[in-house]
């Protein structure tokens, strides 16, 4: 499969758009459960069907043959070690909006191996199933002995929303079937990461972050977080999110200046309890906060991202952004702000040091601190992290 390149549009920083564009169900994480829920028809014998993500070298070891991915991505390899009554069902963990096209490549050690593709609004495919591709043999076009990949491409007559299920079935025992990242054309949302490599974000739709696709440079994956609390000037964040519900405040980390596409999903099971980021889907004015709540906006200070207190007045946010609200958060109006202790930034050469008993420590509000605890301080005009 040759991944198609989208035409590069001129986008303003932090721009957001929605359209039918390509995004990839990415296997690069190396964990099947990141992309699919996998169930097997194995007659009660789980050893009959195995699934794994493999590099070309790993697949070579497993099959005693050379598997070369046509697009450089990892390969999903399914082994059927019994007859054709055994097969694997791979169902996407999310339901996608307005799917119009599928593209991927598939190969097998047996040309009579088969695959099919279905879409349903039901995760269990109990009803309203749309058959995109009926069970079809690879034939010579996907025959491993001929070193051929079947480049599969299918355009739907009309857009269909729902979960995607791929069925993999071998014609005989001991056969391997491999396929690459699946590119689907569906409704996506695009956003461009700011110059610090971080941006706040929110959207009216639930979104899939795990399969976010960069428009140009794939050297850095997109990560999405919630802010979950603070201690002094140090923020804490959640683990990286696979998806998020509609109208959730999110903090994105990616390659500075890169545009990422995120698939729109019907819903997300991610809990937003404890998230301190507030969505600003339509944009508008944000106040400094009402006690005990204090509001902050993400700023670029000397090339580094920090959350700064809005101050005594208010701030204006663009659409699809987010702001931070902390209960009892510190109020400061200096050029510094709040950030994460576990994230390295270019914050004017922040130094890691132990407390110096002879130095005078100031917090980021400019107040002298006699006994500094863990956090960020100013000592002799330099920023110091006390660990």
Protein backbone atom coordinates (compact mmCIF):
# COMPACT_ATOMS: atom_id res chain seq x y z
CA UNK A 1 0.00 0.00 0.00
CA UNK A 2 1.32 3.37 -0.96
CA UNK A 3 0.11 5.89 1.57
CA UNK A 4 -1.37 8.84 -0.28
CA UNK A 5 -0.13 12.33 0.53
CA UNK A 6 -2.68 15.05 1.16
CA UNK A 7 -2.13 18.40 -0.47
CA UNK A 8 -0.49 20.78 1.96
CA UNK A 9 -2.74 23.69 2.80
CA UNK A 10 -1.61 26.91 4.42
CA UNK A 11 -2.87 26.74 7.99
CA UNK A 12 -2.73 29.32 10.72
CA UNK A 13 -1.15 28.18 13.96
CA UNK A 14 -3.66 26.21 16.04
CA UNK A 15 -6.02 26.00 13.05
CA UNK A 16 -8.81 23.44 13.25
CA UNK A 17 -10.83 22.01 10.41
CA UNK A 18 -13.22 19.14 9.77
CA UNK A 19 -13.40 17.20 6.52
CA UNK A 20 -13.41 13.77 4.93
CA UNK A 21 -9.72 13.04 4.91
CA UNK A 22 -7.47 10.05 5.37
CA UNK A 23 -6.30 8.87 8.77
CA UNK A 24 -4.54 5.71 9.77
CA UNK A 25 -5.42 2.95 12.22
CA UNK A 26 -1.83 2.82 13.36
CA UNK A 27 -0.15 -0.47 14.34
CA UNK A 28 3.15 1.20 15.29
CA UNK A 29 2.55 0.88 19.04
CA UNK A 30 3.12 -2.86 18.85
CA UNK A 31 0.08 -3.75 20.99
CA UNK A 32 -3.00 -5.23 19.29
CA UNK A 33 -5.37 -3.91 21.97
CA UNK A 34 -4.38 -0.32 21.12
CA UNK A 35 -6.24 -0.56 17.82
CA UNK A 36 -8.60 -3.53 17.84
CA UNK A 37 -10.63 -5.71 20.09
CA UNK A 38 -9.65 -9.17 18.89
CA UNK A 39 -11.89 -12.23 19.14
CA UNK A 40 -11.26 -15.61 17.59
CA UNK A 41 -13.45 -18.47 16.50
CA UNK A 42 -11.27 -21.29 17.75
CA UNK A 43 -13.60 -24.05 18.88
CA UNK A 44 -12.50 -23.51 22.46
CA UNK A 45 -8.83 -23.99 21.62
CA UNK A 46 -7.21 -20.57 21.90
CA UNK A 47 -3.93 -21.88 20.49
CA UNK A 48 -5.48 -22.31 17.04
CA UNK A 49 -5.44 -18.60 16.24
CA UNK A 50 -2.74 -16.13 17.26
CA UNK A 51 -2.43 -12.41 16.58
CA UNK A 52 0.55 -10.13 16.96
CA UNK A 53 2.14 -6.98 15.59
CA UNK A 54 5.53 -7.73 14.09
CA UNK A 55 8.33 -5.95 12.34
CA UNK A 56 9.62 -7.52 9.15
CA UNK A 57 12.43 -9.17 11.12
CA UNK A 58 10.05 -10.53 13.74
CA UNK A 59 7.73 -11.90 11.10
CA UNK A 60 10.69 -13.49 9.36
CA UNK A 61 11.60 -15.34 12.54
CA UNK A 62 8.02 -16.44 13.12
CA UNK A 63 7.37 -17.73 9.62
CA UNK A 64 10.84 -18.62 8.38
CA UNK A 65 10.13 -16.32 5.47
CA UNK A 66 10.85 -12.67 4.74
CA UNK A 67 7.97 -10.25 5.23
CA UNK A 68 8.70 -6.77 3.94
CA UNK A 69 6.11 -4.13 4.71
CA UNK A 70 5.39 -2.10 1.56
CA UNK A 71 4.97 1.15 3.51
CA UNK A 72 7.57 0.78 6.26
CA UNK A 73 5.00 0.25 9.01
CA UNK A 74 4.68 -2.72 11.31
CA UNK A 75 2.63 -5.68 10.14
CA UNK A 76 -0.33 -7.30 11.87
CA UNK A 77 0.30 -11.03 11.52
CA UNK A 78 -2.41 -13.63 12.16
CA UNK A 79 -1.53 -17.32 12.29
CA UNK A 80 -4.23 -19.93 11.72
CA UNK A 81 -2.99 -23.31 12.95
CA UNK A 82 -6.09 -25.29 12.10
CA UNK A 83 -8.57 -25.49 9.23
CA UNK A 84 -10.79 -22.81 7.74
CA UNK A 85 -13.33 -23.09 10.54
CA UNK A 86 -10.91 -21.02 12.58
CA UNK A 87 -10.63 -17.30 11.97
CA UNK A 88 -9.85 -14.01 13.66
CA UNK A 89 -12.15 -11.00 14.04
CA UNK A 90 -10.50 -7.62 14.57
CA UNK A 91 -12.97 -4.90 15.60
CA UNK A 92 -11.97 -1.26 16.01
CA UNK A 93 -12.28 0.08 19.55
CA UNK A 94 -13.97 3.23 18.27
CA UNK A 95 -16.93 3.96 16.02
CA UNK A 96 -15.93 6.33 13.21
CA UNK A 97 -18.00 8.95 11.42
CA UNK A 98 -18.76 9.00 7.67
CA UNK A 99 -16.37 6.35 6.40
CA UNK A 100 -16.10 6.51 2.61
CA UNK A 101 -12.96 4.56 1.69
CA UNK A 102 -10.51 1.83 2.84
CA UNK A 103 -6.90 1.30 1.78
CA UNK A 104 -4.43 -1.30 3.08
CA UNK A 105 -2.19 -4.12 1.91
CA UNK A 106 -2.53 -7.80 2.75
CA UNK A 107 -0.43 -10.92 2.10
CA UNK A 108 -0.54 -14.61 3.05
CA UNK A 109 1.50 -17.79 2.87
CA UNK A 110 -1.59 -19.33 1.25
CA UNK A 111 -3.23 -17.57 -1.70
CA UNK A 112 -6.56 -19.11 -0.70
CA UNK A 113 -6.62 -17.23 2.60
CA UNK A 114 -9.56 -14.83 2.85
CA UNK A 115 -10.57 -11.52 4.39
CA UNK A 116 -13.72 -9.46 4.71
CA UNK A 117 -14.63 -5.96 5.98
CA UNK A 118 -17.85 -4.90 7.69
CA UNK A 119 -19.18 -1.75 9.39
CA UNK A 120 -21.87 -1.58 12.07
CA UNK A 121 -23.10 1.02 14.58
CA UNK A 122 -23.15 -1.85 17.11
CA UNK A 123 -19.85 -2.87 18.68
CA UNK A 124 -21.00 -6.50 18.71
CA UNK A 125 -22.22 -6.33 15.08
CA UNK A 126 -25.59 -7.71 16.17
CA UNK A 127 -27.52 -5.64 13.61
CA UNK A 128 -27.34 -3.02 10.84
CA UNK A 129 -24.20 -4.53 9.35
CA UNK A 130 -22.86 -3.01 6.13
CA UNK A 131 -20.64 -5.38 4.12
CA UNK A 132 -17.79 -3.42 2.55
CA UNK A 133 -16.01 -6.51 1.26
CA UNK A 134 -17.47 -10.01 1.35
CA UNK A 135 -15.16 -12.89 2.23
CA UNK A 136 -12.63 -12.85 -0.60
CA UNK A 137 -9.57 -14.95 -1.44
CA UNK A 138 -6.24 -13.19 -1.91
CA UNK A 139 -5.37 -15.39 -4.92
CA UNK A 140 -2.09 -14.72 -6.71
CA UNK A 141 -2.32 -10.98 -6.04
CA UNK A 142 -1.55 -11.59 -2.35
CA UNK A 143 0.59 -14.72 -2.60
CA UNK A 144 3.63 -14.71 -0.31
CA UNK A 145 5.60 -17.17 -2.45
CA UNK A 146 5.34 -14.67 -5.31
CA UNK A 147 6.42 -11.89 -2.91
CA UNK A 148 3.22 -10.02 -3.74
CA UNK A 149 1.07 -7.81 -1.54
CA UNK A 150 -2.55 -7.30 -2.48
CA UNK A 151 -3.04 -3.51 -2.44
CA UNK A 152 -6.68 -3.28 -1.40
CA UNK A 153 -8.69 -0.12 -2.05
CA UNK A 154 -12.45 0.20 -1.77
CA UNK A 155 -14.61 3.31 -2.14
CA UNK A 156 -18.08 3.11 -0.61
CA UNK A 157 -21.09 4.23 -2.58
CA UNK A 158 -22.15 6.43 0.35
CA UNK A 159 -20.68 7.34 3.71
CA UNK A 160 -21.24 4.86 6.55
CA UNK A 161 -20.59 5.44 10.28
CA UNK A 162 -19.73 2.75 12.78
CA UNK A 163 -17.22 0.24 14.06
CA UNK A 164 -15.01 -1.55 11.54
CA UNK A 165 -14.53 -5.31 11.68
CA UNK A 166 -11.96 -7.22 9.65
CA UNK A 167 -12.24 -10.99 9.38
CA UNK A 168 -9.09 -12.99 8.66
CA UNK A 169 -9.51 -16.63 7.64
CA UNK A 170 -6.99 -19.19 6.40
CA UNK A 171 -7.83 -21.92 3.93
CA UNK A 172 -5.75 -24.54 5.74
CA UNK A 173 -3.72 -24.99 8.90
CA UNK A 174 -0.32 -23.49 9.66
CA UNK A 175 -0.81 -20.40 7.49
CA UNK A 176 0.14 -16.80 8.19
CA UNK A 177 -1.72 -13.71 7.03
CA UNK A 178 -0.21 -10.25 7.32
CA UNK A 179 -1.61 -6.80 6.68
CA UNK A 180 -0.44 -3.25 7.19
CA UNK A 181 -1.89 -0.13 8.78
CA UNK A 182 -5.43 0.44 7.55
CA UNK A 183 -6.01 3.89 6.06
CA UNK A 184 -9.65 4.96 6.23
CA UNK A 185 -11.17 8.02 4.66
CA UNK A 186 -13.63 9.43 7.19
CA UNK A 187 -14.45 12.62 9.05
CA UNK A 188 -11.38 14.00 10.74
CA UNK A 189 -10.43 17.14 12.63
CA UNK A 190 -7.08 18.82 12.06
CA UNK A 191 -5.04 20.99 14.41
CA UNK A 192 -1.58 22.51 14.19
CA UNK A 193 0.74 22.33 17.19
CA UNK A 194 2.25 25.61 18.42
CA UNK A 195 5.91 26.59 18.37
CA UNK A 196 6.59 25.17 21.84
CA UNK A 197 5.39 21.69 20.85
CA UNK A 198 2.29 22.02 23.07
CA UNK A 199 -1.25 23.29 22.46
CA UNK A 200 -4.56 23.29 24.30
CA UNK A 201 -7.51 21.84 22.41
CA UNK A 202 -11.22 21.09 22.55
CA UNK A 203 -13.85 20.09 20.03
CA UNK A 204 -17.60 19.58 19.74
CA UNK A 205 -17.03 15.93 18.72
CA UNK A 206 -15.44 12.97 20.49
CA UNK A 207 -12.01 12.27 18.99
CA UNK A 208 -9.57 9.38 18.54
CA UNK A 209 -6.06 10.52 19.54
CA UNK A 210 -4.37 7.11 19.44
CA UNK A 211 -4.57 7.04 15.64
CA UNK A 212 -3.80 10.71 14.98
CA UNK A 213 -1.91 11.11 11.71
CA UNK A 214 0.66 13.85 10.96
CA UNK A 215 0.18 15.70 7.69
CA UNK A 216 3.87 15.98 6.76
CA UNK A 217 6.42 14.84 9.36
CA UNK A 218 5.83 11.48 11.09
CA UNK A 219 8.87 11.75 13.39
CA UNK A 220 6.75 12.52 16.48
CA UNK A 221 3.40 11.04 17.45
CA UNK A 222 0.65 13.20 18.87
CA UNK A 223 -0.07 12.76 22.59
CA UNK A 224 -3.15 14.02 24.42
CA UNK A 225 -3.38 14.66 28.17
CA UNK A 226 -5.66 16.00 30.86
CA UNK A 227 -4.29 18.16 33.68
CA UNK A 228 -5.26 16.47 36.94
CA UNK A 229 -3.89 18.70 39.69
CA UNK A 230 -1.01 20.78 41.02
CA UNK A 231 1.44 21.20 43.88
CA UNK A 232 2.89 24.66 44.19
CA UNK A 233 3.77 25.60 40.62
CA UNK A 234 4.12 22.00 39.46
CA UNK A 235 1.21 20.54 37.49
CA UNK A 236 0.31 16.88 37.20
CA UNK A 237 -1.15 15.25 34.10
CA UNK A 238 -2.95 12.06 33.16
CA UNK A 239 -1.54 9.20 31.15
CA UNK A 240 -1.76 9.72 27.40
CA UNK A 241 -5.36 9.45 26.21
CA UNK A 242 -6.49 7.12 23.45
CA UNK A 243 -9.65 9.18 22.96
CA UNK A 244 -11.74 11.84 24.66
CA UNK A 245 -15.44 12.75 24.82
CA UNK A 246 -16.85 15.79 23.08
CA UNK A 247 -16.18 19.19 24.68
CA UNK A 248 -13.25 17.99 26.77
CA UNK A 249 -10.34 20.32 27.50
CA UNK A 250 -7.15 18.65 26.28
CA UNK A 251 -3.43 19.41 26.26
CA UNK A 252 -1.71 18.20 23.09
CA UNK A 253 1.98 17.43 22.66
CA UNK A 254 3.48 16.95 19.20
CA UNK A 255 6.02 18.25 16.75
CA UNK A 256 6.06 22.05 16.74
CA UNK A 257 4.34 23.43 13.63
CA UNK A 258 3.05 20.01 12.51
CA UNK A 259 -0.60 19.49 11.61
CA UNK A 260 -2.24 16.32 12.90
CA UNK A 261 -5.51 14.70 11.75
CA UNK A 262 -7.73 13.06 14.37
CA UNK A 263 -10.61 10.77 13.50
CA UNK A 264 -14.03 11.80 14.75
CA UNK A 265 -15.63 9.02 16.79
CA UNK A 266 -19.21 8.51 17.94
CA UNK A 267 -18.27 8.50 21.64
CA UNK A 268 -15.39 7.90 24.05
CA UNK A 269 -15.31 5.85 27.25
CA UNK A 270 -12.53 8.02 28.72
CA UNK A 271 -13.51 9.44 32.11
CA UNK A 272 -12.93 13.17 32.45
CA UNK A 273 -13.39 13.20 36.22
CA UNK A 274 -10.67 15.33 37.81
CA UNK A 275 -9.71 17.08 34.57
CA UNK A 276 -8.75 20.70 35.35
CA UNK A 277 -8.84 21.82 31.70
CA UNK A 278 -12.00 23.59 30.56
CA UNK A 279 -13.15 23.37 26.95
CA UNK A 280 -13.59 26.58 24.94
CA UNK A 281 -15.10 25.09 21.79
CA UNK A 282 -16.59 28.35 20.53
CA UNK A 283 -13.90 30.61 21.97
CA UNK A 284 -14.56 33.84 23.81
CA UNK A 285 -13.70 35.71 26.98
CA UNK A 286 -12.32 33.88 30.01
CA UNK A 287 -12.25 35.59 33.39
CA UNK A 288 -9.50 35.38 36.00
CA UNK A 289 -11.75 33.07 38.00
CA UNK A 290 -13.95 33.31 41.06
CA UNK A 291 -12.47 32.29 44.43
CA UNK A 292 -11.42 29.67 45.14
CA UNK A 293 -11.02 28.90 41.43
CA UNK A 294 -8.17 30.49 39.48
CA UNK A 295 -7.98 30.43 35.67
CA UNK A 296 -4.85 30.14 33.52
CA UNK A 297 -4.08 30.18 29.79
CA UNK A 298 -1.23 28.48 27.95
CA UNK A 299 1.51 30.92 26.96
CA UNK A 300 4.85 30.83 25.14
CA UNK A 301 7.47 32.31 27.49
CA UNK A 302 10.94 32.43 25.98
CA UNK A 303 10.16 29.47 23.75
CA UNK A 304 8.71 27.40 26.60
CA UNK A 305 5.09 26.52 27.39
CA UNK A 306 3.65 27.66 30.74
CA UNK A 307 0.18 28.21 32.13
CA UNK A 308 -0.13 31.80 33.32
CA UNK A 309 -2.79 33.31 35.56
CA UNK A 310 -5.12 35.45 33.49
CA UNK A 311 -4.74 38.28 35.98
CA UNK A 312 -7.15 40.87 37.28
CA UNK A 313 -9.04 41.28 34.00
CA UNK A 314 -9.78 38.61 31.40
CA UNK A 315 -8.35 36.84 28.35
CA UNK A 316 -9.79 35.98 24.94
CA UNK A 317 -9.41 32.44 23.61
CA UNK A 318 -9.87 31.32 20.03
CA UNK A 319 -12.25 28.52 19.12
CA UNK A 320 -11.31 24.91 19.91
CA UNK A 321 -8.95 25.88 22.72
CA UNK A 322 -8.96 25.17 26.47
CA UNK A 323 -7.98 26.94 29.66
CA UNK A 324 -6.87 25.66 33.06
CA UNK A 325 -8.89 26.06 36.26
CA UNK A 326 -7.28 25.24 39.62
CA UNK A 327 -9.14 25.28 42.92
CA UNK A 328 -6.93 27.38 45.20
CA UNK A 329 -4.30 27.81 42.50
CA UNK A 330 -1.48 30.37 42.92
CA UNK A 331 -2.07 33.86 41.55
CA UNK A 332 0.99 35.32 39.90
CA UNK A 333 1.48 37.90 37.16
CA UNK A 334 5.20 37.46 36.52
CA UNK A 335 6.61 36.21 33.23
CA UNK A 336 6.61 32.70 34.64
CA UNK A 337 3.85 30.24 35.38
CA UNK A 338 2.92 26.62 36.02
CA UNK A 339 4.20 23.54 34.23
CA UNK A 340 5.03 19.84 34.76
CA UNK A 341 8.10 18.69 36.68
CA UNK A 342 8.45 15.62 34.45
CA UNK A 343 8.54 17.51 31.14
CA UNK A 344 11.79 18.96 29.82
CA UNK A 345 11.43 22.36 28.15
CA UNK A 346 13.74 25.14 27.04
CA UNK A 347 12.63 27.30 29.95
CA UNK A 348 15.67 29.56 29.69
CA UNK A 349 18.05 26.76 30.69
CA UNK A 350 16.26 25.63 33.84
CA UNK A 351 18.77 23.91 36.10
CA UNK A 352 18.28 20.89 38.33
CA UNK A 353 19.87 21.64 41.69
CA UNK A 354 19.61 20.76 45.34
CA UNK A 355 18.63 23.44 47.86
CA UNK A 356 21.53 25.78 48.58
CA UNK A 357 21.37 26.88 52.21
CA UNK A 358 23.28 30.09 51.41
CA UNK A 359 21.04 31.21 48.52
CA UNK A 360 17.85 33.26 48.67
CA UNK A 361 14.89 31.51 47.07
CA UNK A 362 11.92 33.29 45.52
CA UNK A 363 8.74 31.73 44.19
CA UNK A 364 7.44 32.67 40.76
CA UNK A 365 5.35 35.45 42.29
CA UNK A 366 8.57 37.08 43.52
CA UNK A 367 8.01 36.22 47.18
CA UNK A 368 10.94 35.14 49.34
CA UNK A 369 10.80 31.50 50.49
CA UNK A 370 12.69 30.56 53.66
CA UNK A 371 12.31 26.77 53.33
CA UNK A 372 11.76 25.84 49.69
CA UNK A 373 9.98 22.57 49.01
CA UNK A 374 9.64 20.72 45.71
CA UNK A 375 8.97 23.12 42.86
CA UNK A 376 10.38 25.88 40.61
CA UNK A 377 12.14 28.90 42.16
CA UNK A 378 14.33 31.86 41.27
CA UNK A 379 17.81 31.91 42.84
CA UNK A 380 20.36 34.60 41.96
CA UNK A 381 18.31 35.46 38.89
CA UNK A 382 18.26 31.87 37.64
CA UNK A 383 15.46 29.31 37.58
CA UNK A 384 16.03 26.29 39.80
CA UNK A 385 13.96 23.14 40.26
CA UNK A 386 14.06 21.83 43.83
CA UNK A 387 13.65 18.07 43.78
